[in-house]
Protein backbone atom coordinates (compact mmCIF):
# COMPACT_ATOMS: atom_id res chain seq x y z
CA UNK A 1 121.19 16.93 80.91
CA UNK A 2 122.67 16.76 84.39
CA UNK A 3 124.26 19.22 86.85
CA UNK A 4 127.60 19.09 85.03
CA UNK A 5 125.94 20.91 82.15
CA UNK A 6 125.21 23.95 84.34
CA UNK A 7 127.69 26.77 83.91
CA UNK A 8 129.32 28.22 87.01
CA UNK A 9 127.80 31.60 87.72
CA UNK A 10 124.51 30.81 85.92
CA UNK A 11 121.59 32.78 87.42
CA UNK A 12 119.03 30.60 89.20
CA UNK A 13 115.59 31.27 90.49
CA UNK A 14 114.32 29.25 93.46
CA UNK A 15 110.98 28.19 94.81
CA UNK A 16 111.61 27.33 98.46
CA UNK A 17 109.34 25.21 100.65
CA UNK A 18 109.63 25.61 104.43
CA UNK A 19 109.19 23.31 107.45
CA UNK A 20 105.49 22.83 106.70
CA UNK A 21 106.22 22.15 103.01
CA UNK A 22 104.43 25.33 102.05
CA UNK A 23 105.87 27.53 99.37
CA UNK A 24 107.51 30.65 100.88
CA UNK A 25 106.11 33.73 99.23
CA UNK A 26 109.24 35.38 97.96
CA UNK A 27 111.18 35.75 94.72
CA UNK A 28 114.46 34.05 95.57
CA UNK A 29 117.54 34.49 93.33
CA UNK A 30 120.72 32.41 93.47
CA UNK A 31 123.56 31.35 91.20
CA UNK A 32 125.19 28.04 90.33
CA UNK A 33 128.47 27.54 92.09
CA UNK A 34 129.74 24.05 91.34
CA UNK A 35 128.56 20.54 90.35
CA UNK A 36 129.77 17.92 92.83
CA UNK A 37 128.46 15.16 90.64
CA UNK A 38 125.47 14.56 88.44
CA UNK A 39 123.04 14.76 91.38
CA UNK A 40 124.66 17.12 93.88
CA UNK A 41 125.79 20.72 93.58
CA UNK A 42 126.60 23.89 95.45
CA UNK A 43 124.47 26.99 94.85
CA UNK A 44 124.71 30.46 96.42
CA UNK A 45 122.47 31.03 99.42
CA UNK A 46 119.70 33.47 98.37
CA UNK A 47 119.91 37.02 99.61
CA UNK A 48 116.73 39.04 100.38
CA UNK A 49 117.07 42.81 100.93
CA UNK A 50 120.83 42.48 101.56
CA UNK A 51 120.48 39.64 104.10
CA UNK A 52 121.21 35.95 103.57
CA UNK A 53 117.96 34.06 103.82
CA UNK A 54 117.97 31.38 106.53
CA UNK A 55 117.26 28.30 104.34
CA UNK A 56 117.33 25.20 106.50
CA UNK A 57 118.78 21.76 105.89
CA UNK A 58 116.06 19.49 104.75
CA UNK A 59 113.97 22.08 102.99
CA UNK A 60 112.81 21.35 99.46
CA UNK A 61 113.57 23.71 96.60
CA UNK A 62 112.70 23.98 92.93
CA UNK A 63 115.57 25.30 90.82
CA UNK A 64 114.97 27.19 87.57
CA UNK A 65 117.62 28.24 85.09
CA UNK A 66 117.40 29.88 81.66
CA UNK A 67 119.55 28.82 78.71
CA UNK A 68 118.74 30.49 75.43
CA UNK A 69 114.98 30.57 75.10
CA UNK A 70 114.44 27.54 77.34
CA UNK A 71 113.87 27.36 81.11
CA UNK A 72 115.05 24.28 82.88
CA UNK A 73 113.76 22.99 86.18
CA UNK A 74 114.52 20.32 88.70
CA UNK A 75 113.53 19.52 92.30
CA UNK A 76 116.13 19.19 95.06
CA UNK A 77 116.59 19.09 98.81
CA UNK A 78 119.04 21.18 100.87
CA UNK A 79 121.59 18.84 102.52
CA UNK A 80 124.10 21.36 103.95
CA UNK A 81 124.75 25.02 104.65
CA UNK A 82 128.39 26.15 104.54
CA UNK A 83 130.83 28.89 103.62
CA UNK A 84 133.06 28.81 100.53
CA UNK A 85 135.68 31.53 100.26
CA UNK A 86 133.67 33.58 102.75
CA UNK A 87 130.40 33.25 100.77
CA UNK A 88 127.33 31.42 102.10
CA UNK A 89 126.34 28.51 99.92
CA UNK A 90 123.90 25.61 100.03
CA UNK A 91 124.62 22.04 99.06
CA UNK A 92 121.60 20.52 97.34
CA UNK A 93 120.73 17.00 96.20
CA UNK A 94 118.70 16.65 93.05
CA UNK A 95 115.50 14.60 93.60
CA UNK A 96 114.13 14.69 90.05
CA UNK A 97 115.25 14.75 86.47
CA UNK A 98 116.03 18.10 84.82
CA UNK A 99 113.27 19.01 82.38
CA UNK A 100 112.22 21.95 80.30
CA UNK A 101 109.87 24.05 82.40
CA UNK A 102 107.10 26.31 81.37
CA UNK A 103 108.59 29.80 80.88
CA UNK A 104 108.33 31.63 84.24
CA UNK A 105 106.59 34.68 82.73
CA UNK A 106 104.92 35.46 86.01
CA UNK A 107 108.06 36.21 88.03
CA UNK A 108 107.71 39.83 89.12
CA UNK A 109 110.91 41.82 88.94
CA UNK A 110 110.78 44.92 91.15
CA UNK A 111 112.09 47.92 89.23
CA UNK A 112 111.35 51.62 88.65
CA UNK A 113 111.23 52.37 84.93
CA UNK A 114 109.61 55.61 83.59
CA UNK A 115 106.71 54.88 81.27
CA UNK A 116 103.86 56.60 79.45
CA UNK A 117 100.39 55.04 79.27
CA UNK A 118 96.98 55.79 77.86
CA UNK A 119 93.64 54.02 77.92
CA UNK A 120 92.64 53.06 74.42
CA UNK A 121 89.62 51.77 72.59
CA UNK A 122 89.59 48.24 71.21
CA UNK A 123 90.21 49.57 67.73
CA UNK A 124 92.75 52.29 68.67
CA UNK A 125 91.01 55.21 67.06
CA UNK A 126 92.64 58.59 66.41
CA UNK A 127 90.54 59.93 69.25
CA UNK A 128 92.35 57.90 71.92
CA UNK A 129 93.71 60.14 74.70
CA UNK A 130 97.30 61.45 74.98
CA UNK A 131 99.88 59.52 76.95
CA UNK A 132 100.22 60.15 80.71
CA UNK A 133 103.43 59.61 82.64
CA UNK A 134 103.86 56.92 85.25
CA UNK A 135 106.53 54.61 86.73
CA UNK A 136 106.73 50.83 86.98
CA UNK A 137 106.76 49.00 90.33
CA UNK A 138 107.53 45.66 88.76
CA UNK A 139 107.54 43.89 85.40
CA UNK A 140 107.46 40.33 84.04
CA UNK A 141 107.10 38.59 80.77
CA UNK A 142 103.34 38.60 81.13
CA UNK A 143 102.55 42.03 82.60
CA UNK A 144 103.60 44.92 84.79
CA UNK A 145 102.53 47.01 87.67
CA UNK A 146 102.90 50.77 87.66
CA UNK A 147 101.94 53.81 89.75
CA UNK A 148 99.44 56.33 88.50
CA UNK A 149 97.91 59.46 89.84
CA UNK A 150 94.47 58.65 88.45
CA UNK A 151 92.10 55.76 88.85
CA UNK A 152 91.77 53.48 85.87
CA UNK A 153 88.80 51.13 85.41
CA UNK A 154 89.43 47.40 85.78
CA UNK A 155 89.24 45.61 82.39
CA UNK A 156 90.13 48.82 80.54
CA UNK A 157 92.48 48.35 77.59
CA UNK A 158 95.75 50.22 78.04
CA UNK A 159 98.81 50.99 75.90
CA UNK A 160 102.12 51.42 77.63
CA UNK A 161 105.35 52.92 76.32
CA UNK A 162 108.63 52.23 78.05
CA UNK A 163 112.33 51.84 77.15
CA UNK A 164 114.35 48.77 78.06
CA UNK A 165 117.98 48.37 77.11
CA UNK A 166 117.69 51.32 74.74
CA UNK A 167 114.68 49.91 72.89
CA UNK A 168 111.30 51.58 73.13
CA UNK A 169 108.47 49.11 73.52
CA UNK A 170 104.76 49.63 72.98
CA UNK A 171 102.73 47.09 74.96
CA UNK A 172 98.97 46.59 75.06
CA UNK A 173 97.34 45.07 78.09
CA UNK A 174 94.22 44.87 80.23
CA UNK A 175 93.89 46.46 83.64
CA UNK A 176 93.43 43.68 86.19
CA UNK A 177 93.48 45.76 89.33
CA UNK A 178 93.67 49.44 90.41
CA UNK A 179 94.26 49.89 94.14
CA UNK A 180 94.35 53.27 95.97
CA UNK A 181 97.12 53.82 98.45
CA UNK A 182 98.49 56.71 100.48
CA UNK A 183 102.10 57.92 100.19
CA UNK A 184 102.56 59.16 103.75
CA UNK A 185 105.62 61.28 103.12
CA UNK A 186 103.85 63.18 100.36
CA UNK A 187 100.41 63.03 102.01
CA UNK A 188 98.75 62.20 98.74
CA UNK A 189 96.99 59.21 97.20
CA UNK A 190 98.22 57.27 94.15
CA UNK A 191 97.04 54.07 92.46
CA UNK A 192 98.83 50.74 92.02
CA UNK A 193 97.79 49.51 88.57
CA UNK A 194 98.22 45.94 87.49
CA UNK A 195 98.37 45.19 83.76
CA UNK A 196 98.22 41.79 82.00
CA UNK A 197 99.64 41.96 78.46
CA UNK A 198 97.03 41.01 75.92
CA UNK A 199 99.17 41.76 72.88
CA UNK A 200 102.90 41.17 73.00
CA UNK A 201 105.33 39.84 70.35
CA UNK A 202 107.67 37.13 71.43
CA UNK A 203 110.70 39.27 70.64
CA UNK A 204 109.42 41.89 73.09
CA UNK A 205 108.72 39.27 75.72
CA UNK A 206 112.20 37.83 75.28
CA UNK A 207 113.70 41.30 75.59
CA UNK A 208 111.94 41.85 78.89
CA UNK A 209 112.97 38.38 80.26
CA UNK A 210 116.57 39.02 79.20
CA UNK A 211 116.53 42.40 80.96
CA UNK A 212 115.19 40.79 84.12
CA UNK A 213 117.88 38.16 84.13
CA UNK A 214 120.69 40.62 83.46
CA UNK A 215 119.51 42.99 86.10
CA UNK A 216 119.13 40.20 88.70
CA UNK A 217 122.68 39.05 87.92
CA UNK A 218 124.01 42.61 88.28
CA UNK A 219 122.15 43.16 91.55
CA UNK A 220 123.43 39.89 92.97
CA UNK A 221 127.02 40.75 92.06
CA UNK A 222 126.60 44.04 93.88
CA UNK A 223 125.18 42.31 96.98
CA UNK A 224 128.05 39.82 97.04
CA UNK A 225 130.59 42.61 96.66
């Protein structure tokens, strides 16, 4: 596989390494623009909160793309910043082969999806409490973060119900963190709750990952427009 096999418009995710070669802590999204040859290509400059991110010539990037159920990855270096048809793009030079990467389940997609949750016992007895309403802050193929009005004990087992693309999912996970924070405009405290899925079928995981990619593509088109 080389860059000619990438489809124009394919959604990309980037890890970007700055001047000190340290990974920049952000979730960068791009798209494939054009293959120049097997080792060089143009990709869209990443946009963060509506602003083009100032990626510099010489910075290293890791490029991820999904095709079917596989994630592909290669390493590259930025060799040029330019405009194409009024759009900011980066020219990159591939510095490694393209290989199948471990699925990026830990990419956190920021979104607000209504959900219901309840703390459950290990054996899900009939006496488990009723569902309580909450709302996601982000979601990935391996877990989610949501906002709750109550404190939930770390390591508790939790069942979440949410709807994605018209399908209702029931997901079981373990509470990894529960942080109290103040909502200043409402003058009240809420809790940020982080959940790691402990039971999830691959079809459900694939549905979540597909949703993330489709939403990222839609948001990027809106930003470009």
